[in-house]
C-alpha atoms as a PDB file:
ATOM      1  CA  MET A   1      73.314 179.732 180.524  1.00  0.00           C
ATOM      2  CA  ASN A   2      72.561 178.660 176.949  1.00  0.00           C
ATOM      3  CA  ALA A   3      71.725 174.986 177.450  1.00  0.00           C
ATOM      4  CA  LEU A   4      68.957 173.316 179.399  1.00  0.00           C
ATOM      5  CA  ASP A   5      69.752 170.087 181.239  1.00  0.00           C
ATOM      6  CA  PHE A   6      66.788 167.696 181.112  1.00  0.00           C
ATOM      7  CA  SER A   7      68.660 164.690 182.507  1.00  0.00           C
ATOM      8  CA  PRO A   8      66.867 164.762 185.916  1.00  0.00           C
ATOM      9  CA  LEU A   9      63.548 164.605 184.068  1.00  0.00           C
ATOM     10  CA  PHE A  10      64.680 161.674 181.917  1.00  0.00           C
ATOM     11  CA  ARG A  11      65.647 159.609 184.964  1.00  0.00           C
ATOM     12  CA  THR A  12      62.052 159.375 186.164  1.00  0.00           C
ATOM     13  CA  ALA A  13      59.907 160.024 183.105  1.00  0.00           C
ATOM     14  CA  ILE A  14      59.462 158.199 179.827  1.00  0.00           C
ATOM     15  CA  GLY A  15      58.656 159.794 176.502  1.00  0.00           C
ATOM     16  CA  PHE A  16      59.615 163.398 177.285  1.00  0.00           C
ATOM     17  CA  ASP A  17      62.546 163.422 174.873  1.00  0.00           C
ATOM     18  CA  ARG A  18      60.300 165.331 172.462  1.00  0.00           C
ATOM     19  CA  LEU A  19      60.279 168.215 174.954  1.00  0.00           C
ATOM     20  CA  ALA A  20      64.077 168.378 174.857  1.00  0.00           C
ATOM     21  CA  ARG A  21      64.094 168.283 171.044  1.00  0.00           C
ATOM     22  CA  LEU A  22      61.512 171.075 170.953  1.00  0.00           C
ATOM     23  CA  ALA A  23      63.611 173.241 173.304  1.00  0.00           C
ATOM     24  CA  ASP A  24      66.741 172.597 171.215  1.00  0.00           C
ATOM     25  CA  THR A  25      64.870 173.460 168.022  1.00  0.00           C
ATOM     26  CA  ALA A  26      63.577 176.711 169.520  1.00  0.00           C
ATOM     27  CA  ARG A  27      67.080 177.672 170.643  1.00  0.00           C
ATOM     28  CA  ALA A  28      68.546 176.858 167.216  1.00  0.00           C
ATOM     29  CA  ALA A  29      65.768 178.803 165.470  1.00  0.00           C
ATOM     30  CA  ALA A  30      66.696 181.933 167.401  1.00  0.00           C
ATOM     31  CA  GLU A  31      70.265 181.629 166.106  1.00  0.00           C
ATOM     32  CA  ALA A  32      69.241 180.770 162.520  1.00  0.00           C
ATOM     33  CA  PRO A  33      69.508 183.298 159.700  1.00  0.00           C
ATOM     34  CA  SER A  34      66.394 185.366 159.114  1.00  0.00           C
ATOM     35  CA  TYR A  35      66.323 185.051 155.315  1.00  0.00           C
ATOM     36  CA  PRO A  36      63.806 184.957 153.734  1.00  0.00           C
ATOM     37  CA  PRO A  37      61.386 187.031 155.800  1.00  0.00           C
ATOM     38  CA  TYR A  38      58.008 185.447 156.549  1.00  0.00           C
ATOM     39  CA  ASN A  39      54.597 186.024 158.160  1.00  0.00           C
ATOM     40  CA  ILE A  40      52.384 183.508 159.933  1.00  0.00           C
ATOM     41  CA  GLU A  41      48.716 184.448 159.772  1.00  0.00           C
ATOM     42  CA  ARG A  42      45.771 182.816 161.524  1.00  0.00           C
ATOM     43  CA  THR A  43      42.927 182.850 159.015  1.00  0.00           C
ATOM     44  CA  ALA A  44      40.345 180.892 161.069  1.00  0.00           C
ATOM     45  CA  ASP A  45      40.194 178.917 164.316  1.00  0.00           C
ATOM     46  CA  ASP A  46      42.004 175.939 162.766  1.00  0.00           C
ATOM     47  CA  SER A  47      43.610 177.484 159.648  1.00  0.00           C
ATOM     48  CA  TYR A  48      46.920 179.247 159.131  1.00  0.00           C
ATOM     49  CA  VAL A  49      48.861 180.701 156.215  1.00  0.00           C
ATOM     50  CA  LEU A  50      52.646 180.934 156.139  1.00  0.00           C
ATOM     51  CA  THR A  51      53.767 183.654 153.715  1.00  0.00           C
ATOM     52  CA  MET A  52      57.421 183.919 152.675  1.00  0.00           C
ATOM     53  CA  ALA A  53      59.012 186.651 150.560  1.00  0.00           C
ATOM     54  CA  VAL A  54      60.887 184.711 147.874  1.00  0.00           C
ATOM     55  CA  ALA A  55      61.332 187.318 145.138  1.00  0.00           C
ATOM     56  CA  GLY A  56      63.424 186.014 142.258  1.00  0.00           C
ATOM     57  CA  PHE A  57      62.611 182.342 142.876  1.00  0.00           C
ATOM     58  CA  SER A  58      60.369 180.307 140.596  1.00  0.00           C
ATOM     59  CA  GLN A  59      58.265 177.248 141.473  1.00  0.00           C
ATOM     60  CA  SER A  60      61.028 174.951 140.270  1.00  0.00           C
ATOM     61  CA  ASP A  61      63.549 176.648 142.606  1.00  0.00           C
ATOM     62  CA  ILE A  62      61.503 176.029 145.790  1.00  0.00           C
ATOM     63  CA  GLU A  63      60.898 172.728 147.579  1.00  0.00           C
ATOM     64  CA  ILE A  64      58.413 172.223 150.434  1.00  0.00           C
ATOM     65  CA  THR A  65      58.569 169.090 152.608  1.00  0.00           C
ATOM     66  CA  ALA A  66      56.461 168.151 155.641  1.00  0.00           C
ATOM     67  CA  GLN A  67      57.679 165.259 157.788  1.00  0.00           C
ATOM     68  CA  ASP A  68      57.504 164.396 161.508  1.00  0.00           C
ATOM     69  CA  ASN A  69      55.879 167.689 162.579  1.00  0.00           C
ATOM     70  CA  VAL A  70      58.495 169.746 160.724  1.00  0.00           C
ATOM     71  CA  LEU A  71      57.795 171.892 157.676  1.00  0.00           C
ATOM     72  CA  LEU A  72      60.924 172.478 155.612  1.00  0.00           C
ATOM     73  CA  VAL A  73      60.922 175.183 152.935  1.00  0.00           C
ATOM     74  CA  SER A  74      64.113 175.373 150.902  1.00  0.00           C
ATOM     75  CA  GLY A  75      65.121 177.253 147.804  1.00  0.00           C
ATOM     76  CA  LYS A  76      68.086 176.907 145.524  1.00  0.00           C
ATOM     77  CA  ALA A  77      69.373 180.106 144.060  1.00  0.00           C
ATOM     78  CA  PRO A  78      68.609 180.578 140.386  1.00  0.00           C
ATOM     79  CA  GLN A  79      71.841 180.433 138.411  1.00  0.00           C
ATOM     80  CA  ALA A  80      72.459 183.620 136.506  1.00  0.00           C
ATOM     81  CA  ASN A  81      75.577 184.485 134.589  1.00  0.00           C
ATOM     82  CA  ASP A  82      75.065 188.261 134.847  1.00  0.00           C
ATOM     83  CA  GLU A  83      77.861 189.073 137.306  1.00  0.00           C
ATOM     84  CA  GLY A  84      79.509 191.669 135.066  1.00  0.00           C
ATOM     85  CA  ARG A  85      76.315 193.666 134.455  1.00  0.00           C
ATOM     86  CA  TYR A  86      75.460 194.677 138.032  1.00  0.00           C
ATOM     87  CA  LEU A  87      76.898 197.811 139.623  1.00  0.00           C
ATOM     88  CA  HIS A  88      75.033 197.005 142.866  1.00  0.00           C
ATOM     89  CA  ARG A  89      73.180 193.824 143.745  1.00  0.00           C
ATOM     90  CA  GLY A  90      70.869 194.414 146.737  1.00  0.00           C
ATOM     91  CA  ILE A  91      68.174 191.829 145.991  1.00  0.00           C
ATOM     92  CA  ALA A  92      69.197 188.614 147.682  1.00  0.00           C
ATOM     93  CA  GLY A  93      69.166 185.598 145.431  1.00  0.00           C
ATOM     94  CA  ARG A  94      70.924 183.146 147.728  1.00  0.00           C
ATOM     95  CA  ALA A  95      69.845 179.648 148.662  1.00  0.00           C
ATOM     96  CA  PHE A  96      67.818 179.258 151.846  1.00  0.00           C
ATOM     97  CA  GLU A  97      66.358 176.649 154.154  1.00  0.00           C
ATOM     98  CA  ARG A  98      63.698 177.458 156.769  1.00  0.00           C
ATOM     99  CA  ARG A  99      62.314 174.928 159.255  1.00  0.00           C
ATOM    100  CA  PHE A 100      59.028 175.360 161.083  1.00  0.00           C
ATOM    101  CA  VAL A 101      57.954 173.030 163.889  1.00  0.00           C
ATOM    102  CA  LEU A 102      54.297 172.101 163.461  1.00  0.00           C
ATOM    103  CA  ALA A 103      51.979 171.243 166.340  1.00  0.00           C
ATOM    104  CA  ASP A 104      50.296 167.851 166.434  1.00  0.00           C
ATOM    105  CA  HIS A 105      47.574 167.334 163.816  1.00  0.00           C
ATOM    106  CA  ILE A 106      48.656 170.279 161.623  1.00  0.00           C
ATOM    107  CA  ARG A 107      48.431 169.294 157.959  1.00  0.00           C
ATOM    108  CA  VAL A 108      49.802 171.177 154.949  1.00  0.00           C
ATOM    109  CA  GLU A 109      46.902 171.778 152.575  1.00  0.00           C
ATOM    110  CA  GLY A 110      48.771 173.357 149.691  1.00  0.00           C
ATOM    111  CA  ALA A 111      51.058 176.113 148.480  1.00  0.00           C
ATOM    112  CA  SER A 112      50.991 178.839 145.864  1.00  0.00           C
ATOM    113  CA  LEU A 113      53.520 181.335 144.509  1.00  0.00           C
ATOM    114  CA  GLN A 114      52.384 184.717 143.270  1.00  0.00           C
ATOM    115  CA  ASN A 115      54.036 188.126 142.998  1.00  0.00           C
ATOM    116  CA  GLY A 116      57.193 186.887 144.751  1.00  0.00           C
ATOM    117  CA  LEU A 117      55.284 185.592 147.794  1.00  0.00           C
ATOM    118  CA  LEU A 118      55.034 181.914 148.679  1.00  0.00           C
ATOM    119  CA  HIS A 119      51.796 181.074 150.523  1.00  0.00           C
ATOM    120  CA  VAL A 120      51.602 177.748 152.402  1.00  0.00           C
ATOM    121  CA  SER A 121      48.155 176.837 153.752  1.00  0.00           C
ATOM    122  CA  LEU A 122      48.011 174.848 156.987  1.00  0.00           C
ATOM    123  CA  ARG A 123      45.038 173.330 158.818  1.00  0.00           C
ATOM    124  CA  ARG A 124      44.636 171.676 162.208  1.00  0.00           C
ATOM    125  CA  GLU A 125      42.647 168.444 161.866  1.00  0.00           C
ATOM    126  CA  VAL A 126      42.103 166.662 165.164  1.00  0.00           C
ATOM    127  CA  PRO A 127      41.038 163.016 164.661  1.00  0.00           C
ATOM    128  CA  GLU A 128      37.514 162.140 165.824  1.00  0.00           C
ATOM    129  CA  GLN A 129      38.763 159.773 168.544  1.00  0.00           C
ATOM    130  CA  LEU A 130      40.749 162.639 170.134  1.00  0.00           C
ATOM    131  CA  LYS A 131      37.933 165.189 170.090  1.00  0.00           C
ATOM    132  CA  PRO A 132      35.888 165.603 173.263  1.00  0.00           C
ATOM    133  CA  ARG A 133      32.566 163.818 173.130  1.00  0.00           C
ATOM    134  CA  ARG A 134      29.469 164.145 175.250  1.00  0.00           C
ATOM    135  CA  ILE A 135      28.356 161.134 177.276  1.00  0.00           C
ATOM    136  CA  GLU A 136      24.604 160.841 177.786  1.00  0.00           C
ATOM    137  CA  ILE A 137      23.401 160.095 181.314  1.00  0.00           C
ATOM    138  CA  ALA A 138      20.680 157.437 181.494  1.00  0.00           C
ATOM    139  CA  GLN A 139      17.947 157.400 184.136  1.00  0.00           C
ATOM    140  CA  GLY A 140      17.337 154.433 186.428  1.00  0.00           C
ATOM    141  CA  ALA A 141      19.527 151.553 187.509  1.00  0.00           C
ATOM    142  CA  PRO A 142      22.560 150.702 185.394  1.00  0.00           C
ATOM    143  CA  GLN A 143      22.011 147.891 182.942  1.00  0.00           C
ATOM    144  CA  ARG A 144      24.634 145.152 182.944  1.00  0.00           C
ATOM    145  CA  PRO A 145      23.202 142.257 180.940  1.00  0.00           C
ATOM    146  CA  ALA A 146      26.556 140.687 180.088  1.00  0.00           C
ATOM    147  CA  LEU A 147      27.730 140.697 183.692  1.00  0.00           C
ATOM    148  CA  GLU A 148      24.390 139.400 185.097  1.00  0.00           C
ATOM    149  CA  GLY A 149      24.381 136.493 182.635  1.00  0.00           C
ATOM    150  CA  ARG A 150      27.871 135.418 183.709  1.00  0.00           C
ATOM    151  CA  VAL A 151      26.995 135.641 187.429  1.00  0.00           C
ATOM    152  CA  GLU A 152      23.828 133.545 186.949  1.00  0.00           C
ATOM    153  CA  ALA A 153      25.768 130.928 184.950  1.00  0.00           C
ATOM    154  CA  ALA A 154      28.450 130.752 187.622  1.00  0.00           C
ATOM    155  CA  ASN A 155      25.818 130.381 190.389  1.00  0.00           C
ATOM    156  CA  SER A 156      24.037 127.544 188.532  1.00  0.00           C
ATOM    157  CA  GLN A 157      27.362 125.710 188.036  1.00  0.00           C
ATOM    158  CA  GLU A 158      28.146 126.043 191.759  1.00  0.00           C
ATOM    159  CA  SER A 159      24.711 124.704 192.785  1.00  0.00           C
ATOM    160  CA  GLY A 160      25.063 121.778 190.309  1.00  0.00           C
ATOM    161  CA  ALA A 161      28.475 120.938 191.736  1.00  0.00           C
ATOM    162  CA  GLN A 162      27.115 121.003 195.317  1.00  0.00           C
ATOM    163  CA  ALA A 163      24.181 118.695 194.394  1.00  0.00           C
ATOM    164  CA  ALA A 164      26.501 116.073 192.900  1.00  0.00           C
END
């Protein structure tokens, strides 16, 4: 069984199509080519570094794009007209495209290329409104000045209407 059927879920739930896309992406990633090799390193609680081995590629040969929680790293093979010189060519110089699904609130901070390794820095930045916050507990009776003012105004209008 290679495919998951989410149709029963979609009949009763709204907004879970992202779950199906994520499952499809994970399945496709397992079947994708493994070139170039890469490491994902956690450098702090909310920081990560993606390191890809891209020997033979220069900065102008590599393109990094982040859009809709997907990081796309692609490289076009440098054009060399040296075909007649090589007796054996074991260092891959072919074009590649790697996609990485990013969790919510992961932002690409930057990238650097040194010694044939591409380093992409990532950081999780949760917005303030989504972070947990502590609610202080006050002592005494709850204060509701806006509500009390409206109730008193309504009572005075009712008593004025009854007097007339």
